[in-house]
PDBML (XML) file of the C-alpha atoms, coordinates in Angstrom:
<?xml version="1.0" encoding="UTF-8" ?>
<PDBx:datablock datablockName="MODEL"
   xmlns:PDBx="http://pdbml.pdb.org/schema/pdbx-v50.xsd"
   xmlns:xsi="http://www.w3.org/2001/XMLSchema-instance"
   xsi:schemaLocation="http://pdbml.pdb.org/schema/pdbx-v50.xsd pdbx-v50.xsd">
   <PDBx:atom_siteCategory>
      <PDBx:atom_site id="1">
         <PDBx:B_iso_or_equiv>0.00</PDBx:B_iso_or_equiv>
         <PDBx:Cartn_x>101.897</PDBx:Cartn_x>
         <PDBx:Cartn_y>83.734</PDBx:Cartn_y>
         <PDBx:Cartn_z>107.507</PDBx:Cartn_z>
         <PDBx:auth_asym_id>A</PDBx:auth_asym_id>
         <PDBx:auth_atom_id>CA</PDBx:auth_atom_id>
         <PDBx:auth_comp_id>UNK</PDBx:auth_comp_id>
         <PDBx:auth_seq_id>1</PDBx:auth_seq_id>
         <PDBx:group_PDB>ATOM</PDBx:group_PDB>
         <PDBx:label_alt_id xsi:nil="true" />
         <PDBx:label_asym_id>A</PDBx:label_asym_id>
         <PDBx:label_atom_id>CA</PDBx:label_atom_id>
         <PDBx:label_comp_id>UNK</PDBx:label_comp_id>
         <PDBx:label_entity_id>1</PDBx:label_entity_id>
         <PDBx:label_seq_id>1</PDBx:label_seq_id>
         <PDBx:occupancy>1.00</PDBx:occupancy>
         <PDBx:pdbx_PDB_model_num>1</PDBx:pdbx_PDB_model_num>
         <PDBx:type_symbol>C</PDBx:type_symbol>
      </PDBx:atom_site>
      <PDBx:atom_site id="2">
         <PDBx:B_iso_or_equiv>0.00</PDBx:B_iso_or_equiv>
         <PDBx:Cartn_x>98.325</PDBx:Cartn_x>
         <PDBx:Cartn_y>82.188</PDBx:Cartn_y>
         <PDBx:Cartn_z>107.449</PDBx:Cartn_z>
         <PDBx:auth_asym_id>A</PDBx:auth_asym_id>
         <PDBx:auth_atom_id>CA</PDBx:auth_atom_id>
         <PDBx:auth_comp_id>UNK</PDBx:auth_comp_id>
         <PDBx:auth_seq_id>2</PDBx:auth_seq_id>
         <PDBx:group_PDB>ATOM</PDBx:group_PDB>
         <PDBx:label_alt_id xsi:nil="true" />
         <PDBx:label_asym_id>A</PDBx:label_asym_id>
         <PDBx:label_atom_id>CA</PDBx:label_atom_id>
         <PDBx:label_comp_id>UNK</PDBx:label_comp_id>
         <PDBx:label_entity_id>1</PDBx:label_entity_id>
         <PDBx:label_seq_id>2</PDBx:label_seq_id>
         <PDBx:occupancy>1.00</PDBx:occupancy>
         <PDBx:pdbx_PDB_model_num>1</PDBx:pdbx_PDB_model_num>
         <PDBx:type_symbol>C</PDBx:type_symbol>
      </PDBx:atom_site>
      <PDBx:atom_site id="3">
         <PDBx:B_iso_or_equiv>0.00</PDBx:B_iso_or_equiv>
         <PDBx:Cartn_x>97.239</PDBx:Cartn_x>
         <PDBx:Cartn_y>84.736</PDBx:Cartn_y>
         <PDBx:Cartn_z>109.928</PDBx:Cartn_z>
         <PDBx:auth_asym_id>A</PDBx:auth_asym_id>
         <PDBx:auth_atom_id>CA</PDBx:auth_atom_id>
         <PDBx:auth_comp_id>UNK</PDBx:auth_comp_id>
         <PDBx:auth_seq_id>3</PDBx:auth_seq_id>
         <PDBx:group_PDB>ATOM</PDBx:group_PDB>
         <PDBx:label_alt_id xsi:nil="true" />
         <PDBx:label_asym_id>A</PDBx:label_asym_id>
         <PDBx:label_atom_id>CA</PDBx:label_atom_id>
         <PDBx:label_comp_id>UNK</PDBx:label_comp_id>
         <PDBx:label_entity_id>1</PDBx:label_entity_id>
         <PDBx:label_seq_id>3</PDBx:label_seq_id>
         <PDBx:occupancy>1.00</PDBx:occupancy>
         <PDBx:pdbx_PDB_model_num>1</PDBx:pdbx_PDB_model_num>
         <PDBx:type_symbol>C</PDBx:type_symbol>
      </PDBx:atom_site>
      <PDBx:atom_site id="4">
         <PDBx:B_iso_or_equiv>0.00</PDBx:B_iso_or_equiv>
         <PDBx:Cartn_x>98.641</PDBx:Cartn_x>
         <PDBx:Cartn_y>87.509</PDBx:Cartn_y>
         <PDBx:Cartn_z>107.964</PDBx:Cartn_z>
         <PDBx:auth_asym_id>A</PDBx:auth_asym_id>
         <PDBx:auth_atom_id>CA</PDBx:auth_atom_id>
         <PDBx:auth_comp_id>UNK</PDBx:auth_comp_id>
         <PDBx:auth_seq_id>4</PDBx:auth_seq_id>
         <PDBx:group_PDB>ATOM</PDBx:group_PDB>
         <PDBx:label_alt_id xsi:nil="true" />
         <PDBx:label_asym_id>A</PDBx:label_asym_id>
         <PDBx:label_atom_id>CA</PDBx:label_atom_id>
         <PDBx:label_comp_id>UNK</PDBx:label_comp_id>
         <PDBx:label_entity_id>1</PDBx:label_entity_id>
         <PDBx:label_seq_id>4</PDBx:label_seq_id>
         <PDBx:occupancy>1.00</PDBx:occupancy>
         <PDBx:pdbx_PDB_model_num>1</PDBx:pdbx_PDB_model_num>
         <PDBx:type_symbol>C</PDBx:type_symbol>
      </PDBx:atom_site>
      <PDBx:atom_site id="5">
         <PDBx:B_iso_or_equiv>0.00</PDBx:B_iso_or_equiv>
         <PDBx:Cartn_x>97.169</PDBx:Cartn_x>
         <PDBx:Cartn_y>86.729</PDBx:Cartn_y>
         <PDBx:Cartn_z>104.559</PDBx:Cartn_z>
         <PDBx:auth_asym_id>A</PDBx:auth_asym_id>
         <PDBx:auth_atom_id>CA</PDBx:auth_atom_id>
         <PDBx:auth_comp_id>UNK</PDBx:auth_comp_id>
         <PDBx:auth_seq_id>5</PDBx:auth_seq_id>
         <PDBx:group_PDB>ATOM</PDBx:group_PDB>
         <PDBx:label_alt_id xsi:nil="true" />
         <PDBx:label_asym_id>A</PDBx:label_asym_id>
         <PDBx:label_atom_id>CA</PDBx:label_atom_id>
         <PDBx:label_comp_id>UNK</PDBx:label_comp_id>
         <PDBx:label_entity_id>1</PDBx:label_entity_id>
         <PDBx:label_seq_id>5</PDBx:label_seq_id>
         <PDBx:occupancy>1.00</PDBx:occupancy>
         <PDBx:pdbx_PDB_model_num>1</PDBx:pdbx_PDB_model_num>
         <PDBx:type_symbol>C</PDBx:type_symbol>
      </PDBx:atom_site>
      <PDBx:atom_site id="6">
         <PDBx:B_iso_or_equiv>0.00</PDBx:B_iso_or_equiv>
         <PDBx:Cartn_x>94.082</PDBx:Cartn_x>
         <PDBx:Cartn_y>84.733</PDBx:Cartn_y>
         <PDBx:Cartn_z>105.587</PDBx:Cartn_z>
         <PDBx:auth_asym_id>A</PDBx:auth_asym_id>
         <PDBx:auth_atom_id>CA</PDBx:auth_atom_id>
         <PDBx:auth_comp_id>UNK</PDBx:auth_comp_id>
         <PDBx:auth_seq_id>6</PDBx:auth_seq_id>
         <PDBx:group_PDB>ATOM</PDBx:group_PDB>
         <PDBx:label_alt_id xsi:nil="true" />
         <PDBx:label_asym_id>A</PDBx:label_asym_id>
         <PDBx:label_atom_id>CA</PDBx:label_atom_id>
         <PDBx:label_comp_id>UNK</PDBx:label_comp_id>
         <PDBx:label_entity_id>1</PDBx:label_entity_id>
         <PDBx:label_seq_id>6</PDBx:label_seq_id>
         <PDBx:occupancy>1.00</PDBx:occupancy>
         <PDBx:pdbx_PDB_model_num>1</PDBx:pdbx_PDB_model_num>
         <PDBx:type_symbol>C</PDBx:type_symbol>
      </PDBx:atom_site>
      <PDBx:atom_site id="7">
         <PDBx:B_iso_or_equiv>0.00</PDBx:B_iso_or_equiv>
         <PDBx:Cartn_x>93.416</PDBx:Cartn_x>
         <PDBx:Cartn_y>85.470</PDBx:Cartn_y>
         <PDBx:Cartn_z>109.200</PDBx:Cartn_z>
         <PDBx:auth_asym_id>A</PDBx:auth_asym_id>
         <PDBx:auth_atom_id>CA</PDBx:auth_atom_id>
         <PDBx:auth_comp_id>UNK</PDBx:auth_comp_id>
         <PDBx:auth_seq_id>7</PDBx:auth_seq_id>
         <PDBx:group_PDB>ATOM</PDBx:group_PDB>
         <PDBx:label_alt_id xsi:nil="true" />
         <PDBx:label_asym_id>A</PDBx:label_asym_id>
         <PDBx:label_atom_id>CA</PDBx:label_atom_id>
         <PDBx:label_comp_id>UNK</PDBx:label_comp_id>
         <PDBx:label_entity_id>1</PDBx:label_entity_id>
         <PDBx:label_seq_id>7</PDBx:label_seq_id>
         <PDBx:occupancy>1.00</PDBx:occupancy>
         <PDBx:pdbx_PDB_model_num>1</PDBx:pdbx_PDB_model_num>
         <PDBx:type_symbol>C</PDBx:type_symbol>
      </PDBx:atom_site>
      <PDBx:atom_site id="8">
         <PDBx:B_iso_or_equiv>0.00</PDBx:B_iso_or_equiv>
         <PDBx:Cartn_x>92.741</PDBx:Cartn_x>
         <PDBx:Cartn_y>88.126</PDBx:Cartn_y>
         <PDBx:Cartn_z>111.734</PDBx:Cartn_z>
         <PDBx:auth_asym_id>A</PDBx:auth_asym_id>
         <PDBx:auth_atom_id>CA</PDBx:auth_atom_id>
         <PDBx:auth_comp_id>UNK</PDBx:auth_comp_id>
         <PDBx:auth_seq_id>8</PDBx:auth_seq_id>
         <PDBx:group_PDB>ATOM</PDBx:group_PDB>
         <PDBx:label_alt_id xsi:nil="true" />
         <PDBx:label_asym_id>A</PDBx:label_asym_id>
         <PDBx:label_atom_id>CA</PDBx:label_atom_id>
         <PDBx:label_comp_id>UNK</PDBx:label_comp_id>
         <PDBx:label_entity_id>1</PDBx:label_entity_id>
         <PDBx:label_seq_id>8</PDBx:label_seq_id>
         <PDBx:occupancy>1.00</PDBx:occupancy>
         <PDBx:pdbx_PDB_model_num>1</PDBx:pdbx_PDB_model_num>
         <PDBx:type_symbol>C</PDBx:type_symbol>
      </PDBx:atom_site>
      <PDBx:atom_site id="9">
         <PDBx:B_iso_or_equiv>0.00</PDBx:B_iso_or_equiv>
         <PDBx:Cartn_x>95.414</PDBx:Cartn_x>
         <PDBx:Cartn_y>90.599</PDBx:Cartn_y>
         <PDBx:Cartn_z>110.357</PDBx:Cartn_z>
         <PDBx:auth_asym_id>A</PDBx:auth_asym_id>
         <PDBx:auth_atom_id>CA</PDBx:auth_atom_id>
         <PDBx:auth_comp_id>UNK</PDBx:auth_comp_id>
         <PDBx:auth_seq_id>9</PDBx:auth_seq_id>
         <PDBx:group_PDB>ATOM</PDBx:group_PDB>
         <PDBx:label_alt_id xsi:nil="true" />
         <PDBx:label_asym_id>A</PDBx:label_asym_id>
         <PDBx:label_atom_id>CA</PDBx:label_atom_id>
         <PDBx:label_comp_id>UNK</PDBx:label_comp_id>
         <PDBx:label_entity_id>1</PDBx:label_entity_id>
         <PDBx:label_seq_id>9</PDBx:label_seq_id>
         <PDBx:occupancy>1.00</PDBx:occupancy>
         <PDBx:pdbx_PDB_model_num>1</PDBx:pdbx_PDB_model_num>
         <PDBx:type_symbol>C</PDBx:type_symbol>
      </PDBx:atom_site>
      <PDBx:atom_site id="10">
         <PDBx:B_iso_or_equiv>0.00</PDBx:B_iso_or_equiv>
         <PDBx:Cartn_x>94.143</PDBx:Cartn_x>
         <PDBx:Cartn_y>90.360</PDBx:Cartn_y>
         <PDBx:Cartn_z>106.795</PDBx:Cartn_z>
         <PDBx:auth_asym_id>A</PDBx:auth_asym_id>
         <PDBx:auth_atom_id>CA</PDBx:auth_atom_id>
         <PDBx:auth_comp_id>UNK</PDBx:auth_comp_id>
         <PDBx:auth_seq_id>10</PDBx:auth_seq_id>
         <PDBx:group_PDB>ATOM</PDBx:group_PDB>
         <PDBx:label_alt_id xsi:nil="true" />
         <PDBx:label_asym_id>A</PDBx:label_asym_id>
         <PDBx:label_atom_id>CA</PDBx:label_atom_id>
         <PDBx:label_comp_id>UNK</PDBx:label_comp_id>
         <PDBx:label_entity_id>1</PDBx:label_entity_id>
         <PDBx:label_seq_id>10</PDBx:label_seq_id>
         <PDBx:occupancy>1.00</PDBx:occupancy>
         <PDBx:pdbx_PDB_model_num>1</PDBx:pdbx_PDB_model_num>
         <PDBx:type_symbol>C</PDBx:type_symbol>
      </PDBx:atom_site>
      <PDBx:atom_site id="11">
         <PDBx:B_iso_or_equiv>0.00</PDBx:B_iso_or_equiv>
         <PDBx:Cartn_x>90.551</PDBx:Cartn_x>
         <PDBx:Cartn_y>90.946</PDBx:Cartn_y>
         <PDBx:Cartn_z>107.989</PDBx:Cartn_z>
         <PDBx:auth_asym_id>A</PDBx:auth_asym_id>
         <PDBx:auth_atom_id>CA</PDBx:auth_atom_id>
         <PDBx:auth_comp_id>UNK</PDBx:auth_comp_id>
         <PDBx:auth_seq_id>11</PDBx:auth_seq_id>
         <PDBx:group_PDB>ATOM</PDBx:group_PDB>
         <PDBx:label_alt_id xsi:nil="true" />
         <PDBx:label_asym_id>A</PDBx:label_asym_id>
         <PDBx:label_atom_id>CA</PDBx:label_atom_id>
         <PDBx:label_comp_id>UNK</PDBx:label_comp_id>
         <PDBx:label_entity_id>1</PDBx:label_entity_id>
         <PDBx:label_seq_id>11</PDBx:label_seq_id>
         <PDBx:occupancy>1.00</PDBx:occupancy>
         <PDBx:pdbx_PDB_model_num>1</PDBx:pdbx_PDB_model_num>
         <PDBx:type_symbol>C</PDBx:type_symbol>
      </PDBx:atom_site>
      <PDBx:atom_site id="12">
         <PDBx:B_iso_or_equiv>0.00</PDBx:B_iso_or_equiv>
         <PDBx:Cartn_x>91.587</PDBx:Cartn_x>
         <PDBx:Cartn_y>94.012</PDBx:Cartn_y>
         <PDBx:Cartn_z>109.964</PDBx:Cartn_z>
         <PDBx:auth_asym_id>A</PDBx:auth_asym_id>
         <PDBx:auth_atom_id>CA</PDBx:auth_atom_id>
         <PDBx:auth_comp_id>UNK</PDBx:auth_comp_id>
         <PDBx:auth_seq_id>12</PDBx:auth_seq_id>
         <PDBx:group_PDB>ATOM</PDBx:group_PDB>
         <PDBx:label_alt_id xsi:nil="true" />
         <PDBx:label_asym_id>A</PDBx:label_asym_id>
         <PDBx:label_atom_id>CA</PDBx:label_atom_id>
         <PDBx:label_comp_id>UNK</PDBx:label_comp_id>
         <PDBx:label_entity_id>1</PDBx:label_entity_id>
         <PDBx:label_seq_id>12</PDBx:label_seq_id>
         <PDBx:occupancy>1.00</PDBx:occupancy>
         <PDBx:pdbx_PDB_model_num>1</PDBx:pdbx_PDB_model_num>
         <PDBx:type_symbol>C</PDBx:type_symbol>
      </PDBx:atom_site>
      <PDBx:atom_site id="13">
         <PDBx:B_iso_or_equiv>0.00</PDBx:B_iso_or_equiv>
         <PDBx:Cartn_x>93.839</PDBx:Cartn_x>
         <PDBx:Cartn_y>95.318</PDBx:Cartn_y>
         <PDBx:Cartn_z>107.169</PDBx:Cartn_z>
         <PDBx:auth_asym_id>A</PDBx:auth_asym_id>
         <PDBx:auth_atom_id>CA</PDBx:auth_atom_id>
         <PDBx:auth_comp_id>UNK</PDBx:auth_comp_id>
         <PDBx:auth_seq_id>13</PDBx:auth_seq_id>
         <PDBx:group_PDB>ATOM</PDBx:group_PDB>
         <PDBx:label_alt_id xsi:nil="true" />
         <PDBx:label_asym_id>A</PDBx:label_asym_id>
         <PDBx:label_atom_id>CA</PDBx:label_atom_id>
         <PDBx:label_comp_id>UNK</PDBx:label_comp_id>
         <PDBx:label_entity_id>1</PDBx:label_entity_id>
         <PDBx:label_seq_id>13</PDBx:label_seq_id>
         <PDBx:occupancy>1.00</PDBx:occupancy>
         <PDBx:pdbx_PDB_model_num>1</PDBx:pdbx_PDB_model_num>
         <PDBx:type_symbol>C</PDBx:type_symbol>
      </PDBx:atom_site>
      <PDBx:atom_site id="14">
         <PDBx:B_iso_or_equiv>0.00</PDBx:B_iso_or_equiv>
         <PDBx:Cartn_x>91.010</PDBx:Cartn_x>
         <PDBx:Cartn_y>94.969</PDBx:Cartn_y>
         <PDBx:Cartn_z>104.505</PDBx:Cartn_z>
         <PDBx:auth_asym_id>A</PDBx:auth_asym_id>
         <PDBx:auth_atom_id>CA</PDBx:auth_atom_id>
         <PDBx:auth_comp_id>UNK</PDBx:auth_comp_id>
         <PDBx:auth_seq_id>14</PDBx:auth_seq_id>
         <PDBx:group_PDB>ATOM</PDBx:group_PDB>
         <PDBx:label_alt_id xsi:nil="true" />
         <PDBx:label_asym_id>A</PDBx:label_asym_id>
         <PDBx:label_atom_id>CA</PDBx:label_atom_id>
         <PDBx:label_comp_id>UNK</PDBx:label_comp_id>
         <PDBx:label_entity_id>1</PDBx:label_entity_id>
         <PDBx:label_seq_id>14</PDBx:label_seq_id>
         <PDBx:occupancy>1.00</PDBx:occupancy>
         <PDBx:pdbx_PDB_model_num>1</PDBx:pdbx_PDB_model_num>
         <PDBx:type_symbol>C</PDBx:type_symbol>
      </PDBx:atom_site>
      <PDBx:atom_site id="15">
         <PDBx:B_iso_or_equiv>0.00</PDBx:B_iso_or_equiv>
         <PDBx:Cartn_x>88.385</PDBx:Cartn_x>
         <PDBx:Cartn_y>96.583</PDBx:Cartn_y>
         <PDBx:Cartn_z>106.794</PDBx:Cartn_z>
         <PDBx:auth_asym_id>A</PDBx:auth_asym_id>
         <PDBx:auth_atom_id>CA</PDBx:auth_atom_id>
         <PDBx:auth_comp_id>UNK</PDBx:auth_comp_id>
         <PDBx:auth_seq_id>15</PDBx:auth_seq_id>
         <PDBx:group_PDB>ATOM</PDBx:group_PDB>
         <PDBx:label_alt_id xsi:nil="true" />
         <PDBx:label_asym_id>A</PDBx:label_asym_id>
         <PDBx:label_atom_id>CA</PDBx:label_atom_id>
         <PDBx:label_comp_id>UNK</PDBx:label_comp_id>
         <PDBx:label_entity_id>1</PDBx:label_entity_id>
         <PDBx:label_seq_id>15</PDBx:label_seq_id>
         <PDBx:occupancy>1.00</PDBx:occupancy>
         <PDBx:pdbx_PDB_model_num>1</PDBx:pdbx_PDB_model_num>
         <PDBx:type_symbol>C</PDBx:type_symbol>
      </PDBx:atom_site>
      <PDBx:atom_site id="16">
         <PDBx:B_iso_or_equiv>0.00</PDBx:B_iso_or_equiv>
         <PDBx:Cartn_x>90.711</PDBx:Cartn_x>
         <PDBx:Cartn_y>99.575</PDBx:Cartn_y>
         <PDBx:Cartn_z>107.363</PDBx:Cartn_z>
         <PDBx:auth_asym_id>A</PDBx:auth_asym_id>
         <PDBx:auth_atom_id>CA</PDBx:auth_atom_id>
         <PDBx:auth_comp_id>UNK</PDBx:auth_comp_id>
         <PDBx:auth_seq_id>16</PDBx:auth_seq_id>
         <PDBx:group_PDB>ATOM</PDBx:group_PDB>
         <PDBx:label_alt_id xsi:nil="true" />
         <PDBx:label_asym_id>A</PDBx:label_asym_id>
         <PDBx:label_atom_id>CA</PDBx:label_atom_id>
         <PDBx:label_comp_id>UNK</PDBx:label_comp_id>
         <PDBx:label_entity_id>1</PDBx:label_entity_id>
         <PDBx:label_seq_id>16</PDBx:label_seq_id>
         <PDBx:occupancy>1.00</PDBx:occupancy>
         <PDBx:pdbx_PDB_model_num>1</PDBx:pdbx_PDB_model_num>
         <PDBx:type_symbol>C</PDBx:type_symbol>
      </PDBx:atom_site>
      <PDBx:atom_site id="17">
         <PDBx:B_iso_or_equiv>0.00</PDBx:B_iso_or_equiv>
         <PDBx:Cartn_x>91.466</PDBx:Cartn_x>
         <PDBx:Cartn_y>99.952</PDBx:Cartn_y>
         <PDBx:Cartn_z>103.698</PDBx:Cartn_z>
         <PDBx:auth_asym_id>A</PDBx:auth_asym_id>
         <PDBx:auth_atom_id>CA</PDBx:auth_atom_id>
         <PDBx:auth_comp_id>UNK</PDBx:auth_comp_id>
         <PDBx:auth_seq_id>17</PDBx:auth_seq_id>
         <PDBx:group_PDB>ATOM</PDBx:group_PDB>
         <PDBx:label_alt_id xsi:nil="true" />
         <PDBx:label_asym_id>A</PDBx:label_asym_id>
         <PDBx:label_atom_id>CA</PDBx:label_atom_id>
         <PDBx:label_comp_id>UNK</PDBx:label_comp_id>
         <PDBx:label_entity_id>1</PDBx:label_entity_id>
         <PDBx:label_seq_id>17</PDBx:label_seq_id>
         <PDBx:occupancy>1.00</PDBx:occupancy>
         <PDBx:pdbx_PDB_model_num>1</PDBx:pdbx_PDB_model_num>
         <PDBx:type_symbol>C</PDBx:type_symbol>
      </PDBx:atom_site>
      <PDBx:atom_site id="18">
         <PDBx:B_iso_or_equiv>0.00</PDBx:B_iso_or_equiv>
         <PDBx:Cartn_x>88.003</PDBx:Cartn_x>
         <PDBx:Cartn_y>99.770</PDBx:Cartn_y>
         <PDBx:Cartn_z>102.569</PDBx:Cartn_z>
         <PDBx:auth_asym_id>A</PDBx:auth_asym_id>
         <PDBx:auth_atom_id>CA</PDBx:auth_atom_id>
         <PDBx:auth_comp_id>UNK</PDBx:auth_comp_id>
         <PDBx:auth_seq_id>18</PDBx:auth_seq_id>
         <PDBx:group_PDB>ATOM</PDBx:group_PDB>
         <PDBx:label_alt_id xsi:nil="true" />
         <PDBx:label_asym_id>A</PDBx:label_asym_id>
         <PDBx:label_atom_id>CA</PDBx:label_atom_id>
         <PDBx:label_comp_id>UNK</PDBx:label_comp_id>
         <PDBx:label_entity_id>1</PDBx:label_entity_id>
         <PDBx:label_seq_id>18</PDBx:label_seq_id>
         <PDBx:occupancy>1.00</PDBx:occupancy>
         <PDBx:pdbx_PDB_model_num>1</PDBx:pdbx_PDB_model_num>
         <PDBx:type_symbol>C</PDBx:type_symbol>
      </PDBx:atom_site>
      <PDBx:atom_site id="19">
         <PDBx:B_iso_or_equiv>0.00</PDBx:B_iso_or_equiv>
         <PDBx:Cartn_x>86.712</PDBx:Cartn_x>
         <PDBx:Cartn_y>102.145</PDBx:Cartn_y>
         <PDBx:Cartn_z>105.251</PDBx:Cartn_z>
         <PDBx:auth_asym_id>A</PDBx:auth_asym_id>
         <PDBx:auth_atom_id>CA</PDBx:auth_atom_id>
         <PDBx:auth_comp_id>UNK</PDBx:auth_comp_id>
         <PDBx:auth_seq_id>19</PDBx:auth_seq_id>
         <PDBx:group_PDB>ATOM</PDBx:group_PDB>
         <PDBx:label_alt_id xsi:nil="true" />
         <PDBx:label_asym_id>A</PDBx:label_asym_id>
         <PDBx:label_atom_id>CA</PDBx:label_atom_id>
         <PDBx:label_comp_id>UNK</PDBx:label_comp_id>
         <PDBx:label_entity_id>1</PDBx:label_entity_id>
         <PDBx:label_seq_id>19</PDBx:label_seq_id>
         <PDBx:occupancy>1.00</PDBx:occupancy>
         <PDBx:pdbx_PDB_model_num>1</PDBx:pdbx_PDB_model_num>
         <PDBx:type_symbol>C</PDBx:type_symbol>
      </PDBx:atom_site>
      <PDBx:atom_site id="20">
         <PDBx:B_iso_or_equiv>0.00</PDBx:B_iso_or_equiv>
         <PDBx:Cartn_x>89.024</PDBx:Cartn_x>
         <PDBx:Cartn_y>104.640</PDBx:Cartn_y>
         <PDBx:Cartn_z>103.677</PDBx:Cartn_z>
         <PDBx:auth_asym_id>A</PDBx:auth_asym_id>
         <PDBx:auth_atom_id>CA</PDBx:auth_atom_id>
         <PDBx:auth_comp_id>UNK</PDBx:auth_comp_id>
         <PDBx:auth_seq_id>20</PDBx:auth_seq_id>
         <PDBx:group_PDB>ATOM</PDBx:group_PDB>
         <PDBx:label_alt_id xsi:nil="true" />
         <PDBx:label_asym_id>A</PDBx:label_asym_id>
         <PDBx:label_atom_id>CA</PDBx:label_atom_id>
         <PDBx:label_comp_id>UNK</PDBx:label_comp_id>
         <PDBx:label_entity_id>1</PDBx:label_entity_id>
         <PDBx:label_seq_id>20</PDBx:label_seq_id>
         <PDBx:occupancy>1.00</PDBx:occupancy>
         <PDBx:pdbx_PDB_model_num>1</PDBx:pdbx_PDB_model_num>
         <PDBx:type_symbol>C</PDBx:type_symbol>
      </PDBx:atom_site>
      <PDBx:atom_site id="21">
         <PDBx:B_iso_or_equiv>0.00</PDBx:B_iso_or_equiv>
         <PDBx:Cartn_x>87.763</PDBx:Cartn_x>
         <PDBx:Cartn_y>104.141</PDBx:Cartn_y>
         <PDBx:Cartn_z>100.203</PDBx:Cartn_z>
         <PDBx:auth_asym_id>A</PDBx:auth_asym_id>
         <PDBx:auth_atom_id>CA</PDBx:auth_atom_id>
         <PDBx:auth_comp_id>UNK</PDBx:auth_comp_id>
         <PDBx:auth_seq_id>21</PDBx:auth_seq_id>
         <PDBx:group_PDB>ATOM</PDBx:group_PDB>
         <PDBx:label_alt_id xsi:nil="true" />
         <PDBx:label_asym_id>A</PDBx:label_asym_id>
         <PDBx:label_atom_id>CA</PDBx:label_atom_id>
         <PDBx:label_comp_id>UNK</PDBx:label_comp_id>
         <PDBx:label_entity_id>1</PDBx:label_entity_id>
         <PDBx:label_seq_id>21</PDBx:label_seq_id>
         <PDBx:occupancy>1.00</PDBx:occupancy>
         <PDBx:pdbx_PDB_model_num>1</PDBx:pdbx_PDB_model_num>
         <PDBx:type_symbol>C</PDBx:type_symbol>
      </PDBx:atom_site>
      <PDBx:atom_site id="22">
         <PDBx:B_iso_or_equiv>0.00</PDBx:B_iso_or_equiv>
         <PDBx:Cartn_x>90.015</PDBx:Cartn_x>
         <PDBx:Cartn_y>101.206</PDBx:Cartn_y>
         <PDBx:Cartn_z>99.064</PDBx:Cartn_z>
         <PDBx:auth_asym_id>A</PDBx:auth_asym_id>
         <PDBx:auth_atom_id>CA</PDBx:auth_atom_id>
         <PDBx:auth_comp_id>UNK</PDBx:auth_comp_id>
         <PDBx:auth_seq_id>22</PDBx:auth_seq_id>
         <PDBx:group_PDB>ATOM</PDBx:group_PDB>
         <PDBx:label_alt_id xsi:nil="true" />
         <PDBx:label_asym_id>A</PDBx:label_asym_id>
         <PDBx:label_atom_id>CA</PDBx:label_atom_id>
         <PDBx:label_comp_id>UNK</PDBx:label_comp_id>
         <PDBx:label_entity_id>1</PDBx:label_entity_id>
         <PDBx:label_seq_id>22</PDBx:label_seq_id>
         <PDBx:occupancy>1.00</PDBx:occupancy>
         <PDBx:pdbx_PDB_model_num>1</PDBx:pdbx_PDB_model_num>
         <PDBx:type_symbol>C</PDBx:type_symbol>
      </PDBx:atom_site>
      <PDBx:atom_site id="23">
         <PDBx:B_iso_or_equiv>0.00</PDBx:B_iso_or_equiv>
         <PDBx:Cartn_x>88.918</PDBx:Cartn_x>
         <PDBx:Cartn_y>98.212</PDBx:Cartn_y>
         <PDBx:Cartn_z>97.025</PDBx:Cartn_z>
         <PDBx:auth_asym_id>A</PDBx:auth_asym_id>
         <PDBx:auth_atom_id>CA</PDBx:auth_atom_id>
         <PDBx:auth_comp_id>UNK</PDBx:auth_comp_id>
         <PDBx:auth_seq_id>23</PDBx:auth_seq_id>
         <PDBx:group_PDB>ATOM</PDBx:group_PDB>
         <PDBx:label_alt_id xsi:nil="true" />
         <PDBx:label_asym_id>A</PDBx:label_asym_id>
         <PDBx:label_atom_id>CA</PDBx:label_atom_id>
         <PDBx:label_comp_id>UNK</PDBx:label_comp_id>
         <PDBx:label_entity_id>1</PDBx:label_entity_id>
         <PDBx:label_seq_id>23</PDBx:label_seq_id>
         <PDBx:occupancy>1.00</PDBx:occupancy>
         <PDBx:pdbx_PDB_model_num>1</PDBx:pdbx_PDB_model_num>
         <PDBx:type_symbol>C</PDBx:type_symbol>
      </PDBx:atom_site>
      <PDBx:atom_site id="24">
         <PDBx:B_iso_or_equiv>0.00</PDBx:B_iso_or_equiv>
         <PDBx:Cartn_x>91.162</PDBx:Cartn_x>
         <PDBx:Cartn_y>95.541</PDBx:Cartn_y>
         <PDBx:Cartn_z>98.507</PDBx:Cartn_z>
         <PDBx:auth_asym_id>A</PDBx:auth_asym_id>
         <PDBx:auth_atom_id>CA</PDBx:auth_atom_id>
         <PDBx:auth_comp_id>UNK</PDBx:auth_comp_id>
         <PDBx:auth_seq_id>24</PDBx:auth_seq_id>
         <PDBx:group_PDB>ATOM</PDBx:group_PDB>
         <PDBx:label_alt_id xsi:nil="true" />
         <PDBx:label_asym_id>A</PDBx:label_asym_id>
         <PDBx:label_atom_id>CA</PDBx:label_atom_id>
         <PDBx:label_comp_id>UNK</PDBx:label_comp_id>
         <PDBx:label_entity_id>1</PDBx:label_entity_id>
         <PDBx:label_seq_id>24</PDBx:label_seq_id>
         <PDBx:occupancy>1.00</PDBx:occupancy>
         <PDBx:pdbx_PDB_model_num>1</PDBx:pdbx_PDB_model_num>
         <PDBx:type_symbol>C</PDBx:type_symbol>
      </PDBx:atom_site>
      <PDBx:atom_site id="25">
         <PDBx:B_iso_or_equiv>0.00</PDBx:B_iso_or_equiv>
         <PDBx:Cartn_x>89.482</PDBx:Cartn_x>
         <PDBx:Cartn_y>92.276</PDBx:Cartn_y>
         <PDBx:Cartn_z>99.281</PDBx:Cartn_z>
         <PDBx:auth_asym_id>A</PDBx:auth_asym_id>
         <PDBx:auth_atom_id>CA</PDBx:auth_atom_id>
         <PDBx:auth_comp_id>UNK</PDBx:auth_comp_id>
         <PDBx:auth_seq_id>25</PDBx:auth_seq_id>
         <PDBx:group_PDB>ATOM</PDBx:group_PDB>
         <PDBx:label_alt_id xsi:nil="true" />
         <PDBx:label_asym_id>A</PDBx:label_asym_id>
         <PDBx:label_atom_id>CA</PDBx:label_atom_id>
         <PDBx:label_comp_id>UNK</PDBx:label_comp_id>
         <PDBx:label_entity_id>1</PDBx:label_entity_id>
         <PDBx:label_seq_id>25</PDBx:label_seq_id>
         <PDBx:occupancy>1.00</PDBx:occupancy>
         <PDBx:pdbx_PDB_model_num>1</PDBx:pdbx_PDB_model_num>
         <PDBx:type_symbol>C</PDBx:type_symbol>
      </PDBx:atom_site>
   </PDBx:atom_siteCategory>
</PDBx:datablock>
């Protein structure tokens, strides 16, 4: 699950959330 919480998925997930006003890092 490294890819999910630290890798590519995590980066894309955070980017989507922050683009919509979220504060997730």
